[in-house]
Amino acid sequence: MRYSDIWLASSLLMGQASAALDPIIMKGTKFFYQNGTQFFMKGVAYQQDTAAAGATATNTKFVDPLANEANCRRDVPFLQKLKTNTIRTYAIDPTANHDACMALLDAAGIYVISDLSEPSLSINRDDPRWNVDLYQRYTSVVDSLSKYSNVIGFFAGNEVTNNATNTDASAFVKAAVRDTKAYIKNNVNRWMGVGYAANDDPDIRAEIAWYFNCGNQTEAIDYWGYNIYEWCGQNTFKGSGYSKQVEFFSNYSVPVFFAEYGCNDLPNKAESRIWQETSALYSSDMTGVISGGIVYMYFQETNNFGLVSVSGSSASALKNYATLSSVIATVSPSSTAMSAYNPTNTPQACPVISNDWRVKGDALPPTPDSNLCDCMFQTLACVPASNLKAESYGDIFGFICGADPKACAGINSNTTTGVFGAYSMCNSTQQLGYVLDQYYNDQKKASDACSFQGQAVLNKAAITQGACSASLASASSANAVAATATSGNGGGGGAASTSTSSVAVPMPMKNLFTLGDMAVGLYVIVAMTVGAGMVML
């Protein structure tokens, strides 16, 4: 089909569309339009990303798919002809203007669900943290998109824990869920959800689903997104394993949908897709439990999952787009009226500690507090030298945390004991200052205890606690508890883990992290494991 033809037809439809879509709301395990009609996602993942499907990102740049009006005018007609009512984006620039694209999507009847992270600001599975920088990134995305009524909500993480070796990372993602939900409640005057998108790892698929749903529901996910690629080509509801997924989630207490689907493990990759799974997804076998899904993906790239081939200002539909279009036109999911629906499912119990699960109950890292971190740093007597580079932090962390582990308790995290230092959410410079000051005081302020060959200095401008005294006292109490729990490699927030291949295929945005944070996590845990066997600088 020609781009001009689809644009002309879609333009006529857009002109008749409502100026602003009503927000989607959630009740129990289902989504609804405000008029009480059940909402099923008929979605497409919409973001260009050459690092998808297991490739390795070589830089942290990304293209905001909602910030280019010309591209949106090119692509929205293709999405609309596919009867798309939802797109998923993986990273947006919160400083960009999204008005034009969001208006085009709104006019086409399309909602948005977006990930909160971006490649250089995301929770890294090998050295997980939930800190001030990430909190500011996540809340800025909420600020940027919450003004649009056609935004359903967000994902606080995408396949961050992807196998049994990195389950500790889930505690940090759930902390992000908690804090983003609280921010929305305090700053947005309507419901917007925060969820998690998981891969389909057989060793932890049950535990991770239970974990994000368990405990205090103000901290738990609003919905569960499943990146699932079990159904490839010709198959059946039972043969594909979909029947087991429906059975498993039949007792879940929040909506479940496929955050990515569309297996291309076929002779001709994406072009061999026949979309039998789409027919099943919107059939009576699944609609009682699963609220639709999001096809991976719009753009044809090297990973070969695309529906549409794009080159500059032109776009052309591929064969599997046409096939999906014919299939989606036939689906008619049976729905439940909100007025007749009385939810009965209850939240899951938290998984127990085991070889495959290393997070205790629903204990979570602290909420990032930039004021507390700033205040703490200003009171320190011993701080990093102003010219100290981040790549030099590691050796200092290593020595101090090996020689005096309790000095590092305030910045450490342990997901298996559920104990987190009050300053584990501060940036690496603030954390290094805290550790230096603790060591300096533990050494009874010896003249050489704040030197490290000029890499640490006495802070002549240190202030008293002042207005921060209550917060600092509370943090001190929390750190005293953390110090009693310090016991080497406890399984949280630092040690790099051996990773294996994920069962789920695409991972659209690779988690990356800063050198300073890596120094904090890796050096602290190594030093505390091997003891004070490092040479003091």
Protein backbone atom coordinates (compact mmCIF):
# COMPACT_ATOMS: atom_id res chain seq x y z
CA MET A 1 0.00 0.00 0.00
CA ARG A 2 1.17 3.53 -0.69
CA TYR A 3 1.90 5.99 2.09
CA SER A 4 -0.17 8.70 0.35
CA ASP A 5 -3.25 6.47 0.20
CA ILE A 6 -3.17 5.49 3.86
CA TRP A 7 -2.47 9.07 4.92
CA LEU A 8 -5.40 10.44 2.96
CA ALA A 9 -7.84 7.91 4.36
CA SER A 10 -6.56 8.35 7.88
CA SER A 11 -6.66 12.14 7.66
CA LEU A 12 -10.38 11.99 7.00
CA LEU A 13 -10.89 9.80 10.03
CA MET A 14 -8.72 12.03 12.18
CA GLY A 15 -10.83 15.02 11.34
CA GLN A 16 -13.84 13.29 12.86
CA ALA A 17 -12.06 12.18 16.03
CA SER A 18 -12.51 13.61 19.50
CA ALA A 19 -10.22 16.43 20.55
CA ALA A 20 -9.15 14.60 23.71
CA LEU A 21 -9.48 10.95 24.58
CA ASP A 22 -10.98 10.10 27.95
CA PRO A 23 -8.36 8.70 30.33
CA ILE A 24 -8.25 4.94 30.86
CA ILE A 25 -8.97 3.80 34.41
CA MET A 26 -8.29 0.56 36.27
CA LYS A 27 -10.59 -1.54 38.39
CA GLY A 28 -9.43 -4.86 39.80
CA THR A 29 -7.83 -6.88 37.01
CA LYS A 30 -9.28 -4.86 34.14
CA PHE A 31 -8.94 -1.56 32.30
CA PHE A 32 -11.97 0.54 31.39
CA TYR A 33 -12.91 3.59 29.43
CA GLN A 34 -14.57 6.18 31.61
CA ASN A 35 -17.96 5.22 30.19
CA GLY A 36 -17.53 1.78 31.79
CA THR A 37 -16.65 -0.18 28.64
CA GLN A 38 -13.75 -2.57 29.07
CA PHE A 39 -10.50 -1.57 27.36
CA PHE A 40 -8.28 -4.15 25.67
CA MET A 41 -4.87 -3.08 24.43
CA LYS A 42 -4.35 -3.51 20.70
CA GLY A 43 -0.84 -2.21 20.77
CA VAL A 44 2.39 -1.77 18.86
CA ALA A 45 5.86 -1.06 20.28
CA TYR A 46 6.89 2.21 18.69
CA GLN A 47 10.55 3.19 18.99
CA GLN A 48 13.54 2.93 16.72
CA ASP A 49 16.33 1.17 18.56
CA THR A 50 19.19 -0.74 17.00
CA ALA A 51 20.08 -2.22 20.42
CA ALA A 52 16.88 -4.27 20.60
CA ALA A 53 16.59 -8.05 20.46
CA GLY A 54 19.70 -8.80 22.46
CA ALA A 55 22.15 -6.50 20.65
CA THR A 56 24.62 -4.45 22.67
CA ALA A 57 24.25 -0.68 22.83
CA THR A 58 27.48 1.14 21.99
CA ASN A 59 26.25 4.54 23.16
CA THR A 60 23.50 6.03 25.25
CA LYS A 61 21.79 8.09 22.56
CA PHE A 62 18.19 7.45 21.67
CA VAL A 63 15.56 9.01 19.43
CA ASP A 64 12.44 10.23 21.20
CA PRO A 65 9.59 8.81 19.08
CA LEU A 66 7.09 11.37 20.36
CA ALA A 67 9.13 14.51 19.62
CA ASN A 68 9.21 14.52 15.80
CA GLU A 69 5.95 15.70 14.25
CA ALA A 70 6.94 14.74 10.70
CA ASN A 71 7.69 11.14 11.75
CA CYS A 72 4.43 10.93 13.68
CA ARG A 73 2.48 12.20 10.66
CA ARG A 74 4.22 9.53 8.62
CA ASP A 75 3.53 6.69 11.06
CA VAL A 76 0.22 7.35 12.83
CA PRO A 77 -1.86 6.46 9.74
CA PHE A 78 -0.19 3.04 9.58
CA LEU A 79 -0.91 2.50 13.26
CA GLN A 80 -4.51 3.63 12.88
CA LYS A 81 -5.17 1.36 9.89
CA LEU A 82 -3.90 -1.51 12.06
CA LYS A 83 -6.65 -0.62 14.57
CA THR A 84 -3.94 0.24 17.11
CA ASN A 85 -5.28 1.79 20.30
CA THR A 86 -2.00 1.77 22.29
CA ILE A 87 1.67 2.32 21.57
CA ARG A 88 4.57 1.57 23.88
CA THR A 89 7.62 3.82 23.89
CA TYR A 90 10.85 2.87 25.65
CA ALA A 91 12.54 6.24 26.24
CA ILE A 92 11.37 9.80 25.80
CA ASP A 93 13.13 13.12 26.32
CA PRO A 94 11.17 14.91 29.06
CA THR A 95 12.57 18.28 27.95
CA ALA A 96 11.19 17.91 24.41
CA ASN A 97 7.83 19.14 23.15
CA HIS A 98 5.43 16.25 22.56
CA ASP A 99 2.29 18.25 21.82
CA ALA A 100 2.12 17.58 18.08
CA CYS A 101 2.67 13.83 18.23
CA MET A 102 0.39 13.37 21.21
CA ALA A 103 -2.36 15.32 19.43
CA LEU A 104 -1.99 13.14 16.32
CA LEU A 105 -2.17 10.00 18.44
CA ASP A 106 -5.15 11.34 20.37
CA ALA A 107 -7.01 12.15 17.17
CA ALA A 108 -6.35 8.62 15.94
CA GLY A 109 -7.71 7.10 19.16
CA ILE A 110 -4.30 5.89 20.32
CA TYR A 111 -3.12 5.79 23.95
CA VAL A 112 0.50 5.69 25.16
CA ILE A 113 2.30 3.66 27.78
CA SER A 114 5.95 4.62 28.25
CA ASP A 115 8.98 3.33 30.06
CA LEU A 116 10.38 5.81 32.60
CA SER A 117 14.06 5.12 32.05
CA GLU A 118 16.49 5.90 29.25
CA PRO A 119 19.77 4.15 28.41
CA SER A 120 22.06 6.21 30.65
CA LEU A 121 19.52 6.56 33.47
CA SER A 122 18.06 3.18 34.27
CA ILE A 123 18.29 0.52 36.96
CA ASN A 124 21.20 -1.70 35.99
CA ARG A 125 20.65 -5.37 36.77
CA ASP A 126 24.34 -6.00 37.56
CA ASP A 127 24.74 -3.07 39.95
CA PRO A 128 21.20 -2.03 40.87
CA ARG A 129 20.46 1.30 42.53
CA TRP A 130 17.52 3.56 43.12
CA ASN A 131 19.01 7.00 43.60
CA VAL A 132 18.35 10.70 43.31
CA ASP A 133 19.37 10.93 39.65
CA LEU A 134 17.03 8.10 38.65
CA TYR A 135 14.18 9.52 40.73
CA GLN A 136 14.57 12.88 39.03
CA ARG A 137 14.59 11.22 35.61
CA TYR A 138 11.48 9.14 36.33
CA THR A 139 9.47 12.00 37.81
CA SER A 140 10.45 14.30 34.94
CA VAL A 141 8.92 11.80 32.51
CA VAL A 142 5.72 11.82 34.58
CA ASP A 143 5.72 15.63 34.49
CA SER A 144 6.22 15.62 30.73
CA LEU A 145 3.50 13.13 29.83
CA SER A 146 0.87 13.45 32.56
CA LYS A 147 -0.77 16.43 30.87
CA TYR A 148 -1.95 14.22 28.01
CA SER A 149 -5.20 12.35 28.70
CA ASN A 150 -4.20 9.57 26.30
CA VAL A 151 -1.28 8.44 28.50
CA ILE A 152 -2.28 5.29 30.40
CA GLY A 153 0.84 5.08 32.53
CA PHE A 154 4.41 3.88 32.74
CA PHE A 155 6.81 0.98 33.19
CA ALA A 156 9.35 1.39 36.01
CA GLY A 157 11.52 -1.32 34.47
CA ASN A 158 11.82 -3.62 31.48
CA GLU A 159 13.37 -7.06 32.05
CA VAL A 160 15.72 -5.62 34.71
CA THR A 161 15.73 -8.97 36.49
CA ASN A 162 15.99 -11.40 33.60
CA ASN A 163 17.14 -14.60 35.34
CA ALA A 164 17.83 -16.08 38.77
CA THR A 165 21.29 -14.48 39.05
CA ASN A 166 20.03 -10.90 39.35
CA THR A 167 16.77 -11.07 41.30
CA ASP A 168 18.13 -8.53 43.81
CA ALA A 169 17.60 -5.84 41.16
CA SER A 170 13.84 -6.23 41.51
CA ALA A 171 13.89 -4.57 44.94
CA PHE A 172 15.21 -1.39 43.36
CA VAL A 173 12.63 -1.47 40.57
CA LYS A 174 9.84 -1.96 43.10
CA ALA A 175 11.17 1.02 45.04
CA ALA A 176 10.89 2.98 41.79
CA VAL A 177 7.29 1.77 41.44
CA ARG A 178 6.51 2.89 44.99
CA ASP A 179 8.00 6.35 44.60
CA THR A 180 6.63 7.03 41.13
CA LYS A 181 3.14 6.04 42.27
CA ALA A 182 3.45 8.37 45.26
CA TYR A 183 4.63 11.18 42.99
CA ILE A 184 1.67 10.69 40.66
CA LYS A 185 -0.74 10.65 43.58
CA ASN A 186 0.64 13.93 44.88
CA ASN A 187 1.03 15.73 41.56
CA VAL A 188 -1.46 14.36 39.00
CA ASN A 189 -5.22 14.75 39.35
CA ARG A 190 -6.17 11.48 37.66
CA TRP A 191 -5.22 7.82 37.74
CA MET A 192 -2.06 6.87 35.88
CA GLY A 193 -0.58 3.45 36.39
CA VAL A 194 2.96 2.25 37.10
CA GLY A 195 3.89 -1.31 36.22
CA TYR A 196 6.73 -3.62 35.31
CA ALA A 197 7.50 -5.46 32.06
CA ALA A 198 9.02 -8.91 32.64
CA ASN A 199 10.64 -11.48 30.43
CA ASP A 200 9.52 -15.11 30.50
CA ASP A 201 12.26 -16.86 32.44
CA PRO A 202 11.09 -20.33 33.55
CA ASP A 203 13.14 -20.32 36.76
CA ILE A 204 11.66 -17.12 38.24
CA ARG A 205 8.49 -16.36 36.25
CA ALA A 206 6.31 -17.16 39.26
CA GLU A 207 8.46 -15.49 41.93
CA ILE A 208 8.87 -12.22 40.06
CA ALA A 209 5.16 -11.97 39.29
CA TRP A 210 4.31 -12.61 42.94
CA TYR A 211 6.93 -10.15 44.16
CA PHE A 212 5.72 -7.13 42.25
CA ASN A 213 2.13 -7.84 43.31
CA CYS A 214 2.74 -8.62 46.99
CA GLY A 215 2.74 -6.52 50.12
CA ASN A 216 1.56 -2.95 50.61
CA GLN A 217 -0.44 -2.10 47.48
CA THR A 218 0.72 1.52 47.50
CA GLU A 219 4.15 0.03 46.72
CA ALA A 220 3.05 -2.73 44.35
CA ILE A 221 2.55 -2.52 40.59
CA ASP A 222 -0.71 -1.29 39.07
CA TYR A 223 -0.36 -3.72 36.15
CA TRP A 224 1.85 -6.52 34.93
CA GLY A 225 3.37 -6.44 31.45
CA TYR A 226 4.61 -9.71 30.04
CA ASN A 227 7.20 -9.84 27.23
CA ILE A 228 6.34 -13.24 25.86
CA TYR A 229 7.37 -15.01 22.66
CA GLU A 230 6.17 -18.57 23.27
CA TRP A 231 3.77 -18.81 20.33
CA CYS A 232 5.73 -19.13 17.09
CA GLY A 233 3.91 -19.63 13.80
CA GLN A 234 1.43 -22.49 13.66
CA ASN A 235 0.35 -23.57 17.14
CA THR A 236 -2.57 -23.85 19.53
CA PHE A 237 -3.73 -22.24 22.77
CA LYS A 238 -2.50 -25.26 24.76
CA GLY A 239 0.47 -26.19 22.62
CA SER A 240 1.95 -22.69 22.83
CA GLY A 241 1.80 -22.60 26.61
CA TYR A 242 -0.65 -19.70 26.58
CA SER A 243 -3.19 -21.79 28.47
CA LYS A 244 -0.74 -22.13 31.37
CA GLN A 245 -0.19 -18.37 31.43
CA VAL A 246 -3.93 -17.75 31.63
CA GLU A 247 -4.26 -20.31 34.42
CA PHE A 248 -1.38 -18.78 36.37
CA PHE A 249 -2.66 -15.20 36.17
CA SER A 250 -6.30 -16.11 36.78
CA ASN A 251 -5.75 -15.29 40.48
CA TYR A 252 -3.67 -12.13 39.94
CA SER A 253 -5.11 -8.97 41.44
CA VAL A 254 -4.11 -6.34 38.84
CA PRO A 255 -4.43 -6.19 35.04
CA VAL A 256 -2.09 -8.37 32.98
CA PHE A 257 -1.27 -7.76 29.34
CA PHE A 258 1.44 -8.74 26.89
CA ALA A 259 3.91 -5.82 26.90
CA GLU A 260 5.68 -7.39 23.92
CA TYR A 261 4.71 -10.32 21.71
CA GLY A 262 5.27 -11.53 18.16
CA CYS A 263 7.77 -14.38 17.86
CA ASN A 264 9.96 -14.17 14.76
CA ASP A 265 11.86 -17.42 15.26
CA LEU A 266 10.63 -18.49 11.84
CA PRO A 267 12.17 -19.24 8.41
CA ASN A 268 11.66 -15.70 7.10
CA LYS A 269 11.71 -13.98 10.49
CA ALA A 270 9.02 -11.29 10.86
CA GLU A 271 7.64 -11.85 7.40
CA SER A 272 6.69 -15.43 8.32
CA ARG A 273 4.47 -14.33 11.20
CA ILE A 274 0.85 -15.44 10.73
CA TRP A 275 -0.45 -13.92 13.98
CA GLN A 276 -2.40 -16.90 15.28
CA GLU A 277 -1.49 -15.70 18.77
CA THR A 278 -3.32 -12.45 18.10
CA SER A 279 -6.55 -14.30 17.40
CA ALA A 280 -6.07 -16.28 20.62
CA LEU A 281 -5.22 -13.17 22.65
CA TYR A 282 -8.60 -11.59 21.96
CA SER A 283 -10.60 -14.80 22.17
CA SER A 284 -12.74 -16.01 25.06
CA ASP A 285 -9.86 -18.32 26.05
CA MET A 286 -7.86 -15.30 27.23
CA THR A 287 -9.93 -12.13 27.58
CA GLY A 288 -11.19 -13.03 31.04
CA VAL A 289 -7.60 -12.76 32.33
CA ILE A 290 -5.39 -10.96 29.79
CA SER A 291 -6.14 -7.38 28.73
CA GLY A 292 -4.69 -7.54 25.23
CA GLY A 293 -1.14 -6.99 24.10
CA ILE A 294 1.51 -4.94 22.31
CA VAL A 295 3.09 -6.26 19.12
CA TYR A 296 6.86 -6.00 18.91
CA MET A 297 7.53 -3.85 16.84
CA TYR A 298 6.64 -1.09 14.36
CA PHE A 299 10.05 -0.42 12.82
CA GLN A 300 11.87 -2.96 10.69
CA GLU A 301 15.50 -3.04 11.84
CA THR A 302 18.38 -5.49 12.06
CA ASN A 303 16.53 -7.53 14.69
CA ASN A 304 13.90 -8.34 12.04
CA PHE A 305 10.78 -7.79 14.12
CA GLY A 306 9.34 -4.94 12.07
CA LEU A 307 5.88 -4.31 10.62
CA VAL A 308 6.86 -1.25 8.60
CA SER A 309 10.00 -0.30 6.67
CA VAL A 310 10.96 3.35 7.12
CA SER A 311 13.42 5.41 5.13
CA GLY A 312 13.49 9.12 5.82
CA SER A 313 10.07 10.60 5.18
CA SER A 314 8.71 7.49 3.45
CA ALA A 315 7.31 4.31 4.95
CA SER A 316 5.94 1.08 3.50
CA ALA A 317 4.03 -1.73 5.12
CA LEU A 318 5.62 -5.17 5.10
CA LYS A 319 3.88 -8.47 4.46
CA ASN A 320 3.44 -9.30 8.14
CA TYR A 321 1.79 -5.89 8.65
CA ALA A 322 -0.84 -6.84 6.10
CA THR A 323 -1.29 -10.24 7.73
CA LEU A 324 -1.69 -8.70 11.18
CA SER A 325 -4.12 -6.14 9.77
CA SER A 326 -6.36 -8.86 8.39
CA VAL A 327 -6.23 -10.80 11.66
CA ILE A 328 -6.83 -7.86 13.97
CA ALA A 329 -9.84 -6.84 11.88
CA THR A 330 -11.58 -10.10 12.84
CA VAL A 331 -11.09 -10.01 16.61
CA SER A 332 -13.96 -9.02 18.85
CA PRO A 333 -13.05 -9.54 22.51
CA SER A 334 -15.93 -10.25 24.85
CA SER A 335 -15.98 -7.60 27.54
CA THR A 336 -17.30 -6.93 31.01
CA ALA A 337 -19.13 -3.74 31.97
CA MET A 338 -17.44 -1.92 34.84
CA SER A 339 -20.76 -1.53 36.65
CA ALA A 340 -21.25 -5.31 36.66
CA TYR A 341 -17.70 -6.16 37.66
CA ASN A 342 -16.83 -6.88 41.30
CA PRO A 343 -13.13 -7.78 41.73
CA THR A 344 -12.44 -10.76 44.00
CA ASN A 345 -8.74 -11.52 43.45
CA THR A 346 -6.31 -10.60 46.23
CA PRO A 347 -2.58 -9.74 46.09
CA GLN A 348 -0.06 -12.56 46.06
CA ALA A 349 2.15 -13.52 49.00
CA CYS A 350 5.77 -12.40 48.68
CA PRO A 351 8.15 -15.15 47.53
CA VAL A 352 10.55 -16.57 50.12
CA ILE A 353 14.34 -16.39 49.93
CA SER A 354 15.77 -19.28 47.91
CA ASN A 355 18.59 -20.03 45.49
CA ASP A 356 16.44 -18.50 42.74
CA TRP A 357 15.07 -15.53 44.69
CA ARG A 358 17.25 -13.12 46.68
CA VAL A 359 14.85 -10.44 47.91
CA LYS A 360 13.36 -10.52 51.39
CA GLY A 361 9.63 -9.89 51.57
CA ASP A 362 8.63 -6.40 50.53
CA ALA A 363 11.50 -4.51 52.21
CA LEU A 364 12.58 -1.75 49.85
CA PRO A 365 15.44 0.74 49.43
CA PRO A 366 14.77 4.25 50.76
CA THR A 367 13.03 6.94 48.76
CA PRO A 368 15.64 9.21 47.12
CA ASP A 369 15.89 12.51 48.97
CA SER A 370 18.24 15.06 47.40
CA ASN A 371 17.82 17.45 50.33
CA LEU A 372 18.93 14.83 52.82
CA CYS A 373 21.95 13.88 50.68
CA ASP A 374 22.96 17.52 50.23
CA CYS A 375 22.51 18.25 53.92
CA MET A 376 24.53 15.20 54.95
CA PHE A 377 27.39 16.16 52.64
CA GLN A 378 27.53 19.72 53.97
CA THR A 379 28.03 18.47 57.53
CA LEU A 380 31.01 16.21 56.75
CA ALA A 381 34.41 17.00 58.21
CA CYS A 382 36.31 14.84 55.70
CA VAL A 383 35.35 14.94 52.01
CA PRO A 384 36.79 14.01 48.60
CA ALA A 385 39.20 16.56 47.15
CA SER A 386 37.49 18.80 44.59
CA ASN A 387 39.78 17.59 41.80
CA LEU A 388 39.30 13.87 42.54
CA LYS A 389 38.04 12.06 39.45
CA ALA A 390 35.25 9.48 39.67
CA GLU A 391 37.48 6.71 38.32
CA SER A 392 39.66 7.11 41.43
CA TYR A 393 36.77 6.54 43.85
CA GLY A 394 36.99 2.78 43.69
CA ASP A 395 40.28 2.31 45.45
CA ILE A 396 39.22 4.52 48.35
CA PHE A 397 35.91 2.73 48.71
CA GLY A 398 37.76 -0.56 48.50
CA PHE A 399 40.23 0.25 51.24
CA ILE A 400 37.77 1.78 53.71
CA CYS A 401 35.03 -0.81 53.22
CA GLY A 402 37.57 -3.59 53.60
CA ALA A 403 39.25 -2.13 56.68
CA ASP A 404 36.11 -0.80 58.35
CA PRO A 405 32.95 -2.41 56.88
CA LYS A 406 30.64 -0.61 59.29
CA ALA A 407 31.81 2.71 57.87
CA CYS A 408 30.14 1.71 54.60
CA ALA A 409 26.89 0.41 56.09
CA GLY A 410 25.13 3.70 55.46
CA ILE A 411 25.60 3.41 51.70
CA ASN A 412 25.19 -0.33 51.34
CA SER A 413 22.13 -2.36 50.35
CA ASN A 414 21.30 -5.94 51.22
CA THR A 415 18.18 -7.35 49.61
CA THR A 416 18.35 -10.74 51.32
CA THR A 417 18.22 -9.19 54.80
CA GLY A 418 16.05 -6.30 53.64
CA VAL A 419 18.41 -3.76 55.22
CA PHE A 420 19.35 -0.61 53.29
CA GLY A 421 21.62 2.24 54.30
CA ALA A 422 19.91 5.61 54.52
CA TYR A 423 22.40 7.10 52.06
CA SER A 424 22.31 4.26 49.54
CA MET A 425 20.23 6.57 47.34
CA CYS A 426 22.76 9.43 47.26
CA ASN A 427 25.18 10.05 44.41
CA SER A 428 28.65 8.55 44.37
CA THR A 429 30.43 11.75 45.48
CA GLN A 430 28.11 12.14 48.46
CA GLN A 431 28.53 8.47 49.32
CA LEU A 432 32.30 8.69 49.14
CA GLY A 433 32.20 11.73 51.42
CA TYR A 434 30.07 9.84 53.93
CA VAL A 435 32.45 6.87 53.93
CA LEU A 436 35.54 9.10 54.25
CA ASP A 437 33.97 10.97 57.16
CA GLN A 438 32.93 7.76 58.91
CA TYR A 439 36.46 6.40 58.57
CA TYR A 440 37.95 9.69 59.77
CA ASN A 441 35.78 9.65 62.89
CA ASP A 442 36.38 5.93 63.52
CA GLN A 443 40.12 6.70 63.46
CA LYS A 444 39.51 9.34 66.16
CA LYS A 445 40.23 12.12 63.68
CA ALA A 446 43.87 11.17 63.36
CA SER A 447 45.85 13.68 61.28
CA ASP A 448 46.50 11.18 58.49
CA ALA A 449 43.01 9.64 58.45
CA CYS A 450 41.71 12.26 56.00
CA SER A 451 44.46 12.34 53.43
CA PHE A 452 44.70 9.41 51.02
CA GLN A 453 47.67 11.21 49.40
CA GLY A 454 45.69 14.39 48.88
CA GLN A 455 42.57 12.71 47.50
CA ALA A 456 40.61 13.58 50.66
CA VAL A 457 40.63 16.89 52.51
CA LEU A 458 39.23 18.40 55.68
CA ASN A 459 36.12 20.47 55.04
CA LYS A 460 36.63 23.84 56.72
CA ALA A 461 33.14 24.91 55.61
CA ALA A 462 31.32 22.06 57.35
CA ILE A 463 28.06 23.22 58.88
CA THR A 464 26.07 22.04 61.85
CA GLN A 465 22.95 19.99 61.28
CA GLY A 466 20.59 22.93 61.69
CA ALA A 467 17.23 22.48 59.96
CA CYS A 468 18.24 19.00 58.83
CA SER A 469 18.85 17.66 62.33
CA ALA A 470 15.71 15.53 62.51
CA SER A 471 16.29 13.95 59.08
CA LEU A 472 19.94 13.32 59.82
CA ALA A 473 19.09 11.75 63.17
CA SER A 474 16.60 9.42 61.49
CA ALA A 475 19.19 8.48 58.86
CA SER A 476 21.75 7.85 61.60
CA SER A 477 19.38 5.44 63.34
CA ALA A 478 18.75 3.58 60.08
CA ASN A 479 22.48 3.34 59.44
CA ALA A 480 23.09 1.95 62.91
CA VAL A 481 20.69 -0.88 62.09
CA ALA A 482 22.41 -1.39 58.73
CA ALA A 483 25.79 -1.59 60.47
CA THR A 484 24.65 -4.51 62.62
CA ALA A 485 23.54 -6.36 59.47
CA THR A 486 26.79 -5.83 57.59
CA SER A 487 28.15 -9.28 56.84
CA GLY A 488 30.02 -9.44 53.56
CA ASN A 489 28.36 -10.55 50.36
CA GLY A 490 24.70 -10.37 51.31
CA GLY A 491 23.30 -10.22 47.84
CA GLY A 492 22.22 -6.71 47.19
CA GLY A 493 23.06 -3.53 45.40
CA GLY A 494 26.61 -4.14 44.40
CA ALA A 495 27.99 -7.47 43.33
CA ALA A 496 28.07 -8.13 39.64
CA SER A 497 26.39 -11.41 38.85
CA THR A 498 27.07 -14.03 36.26
CA SER A 499 24.40 -13.61 33.63
CA THR A 500 22.98 -16.07 31.19
CA SER A 501 20.90 -15.65 28.07
CA SER A 502 17.36 -14.48 28.62
CA VAL A 503 14.45 -16.57 27.43
CA ALA A 504 12.58 -13.53 26.16
CA VAL A 505 14.04 -12.11 22.99
CA PRO A 506 14.00 -8.32 22.60
CA MET A 507 15.32 -5.97 25.26
CA PRO A 508 14.67 -2.59 23.70
CA MET A 509 16.64 -0.36 26.02
CA LYS A 510 19.90 -1.66 27.45
CA ASN A 511 20.51 -0.76 31.08
CA LEU A 512 23.62 1.33 31.56
CA PHE A 513 25.17 3.04 34.56
CA THR A 514 27.78 5.60 35.47
CA LEU A 515 31.38 4.90 36.34
CA GLY A 516 30.99 6.51 39.75
CA ASP A 517 28.08 4.28 40.65
CA MET A 518 29.95 1.24 39.40
CA ALA A 519 32.82 2.16 41.69
CA VAL A 520 30.48 2.35 44.65
CA GLY A 521 28.77 -0.95 43.99
CA LEU A 522 31.52 -3.20 42.76
CA TYR A 523 34.39 -2.00 44.93
CA VAL A 524 32.36 -1.93 48.12
CA ILE A 525 31.12 -5.46 47.80
CA VAL A 526 34.48 -6.86 46.67
CA ALA A 527 36.30 -5.15 49.51
CA MET A 528 33.85 -6.36 52.10
CA THR A 529 34.18 -9.90 50.78
CA VAL A 530 37.96 -10.15 50.74
CA GLY A 531 38.61 -7.92 53.74
CA ALA A 532 41.08 -5.06 54.03
CA GLY A 533 43.58 -6.52 51.62
CA MET A 534 44.02 -3.39 49.56
CA VAL A 535 46.83 -0.88 49.84
CA MET A 536 45.87 2.51 51.20
CA LEU A 537 46.60 5.30 48.72
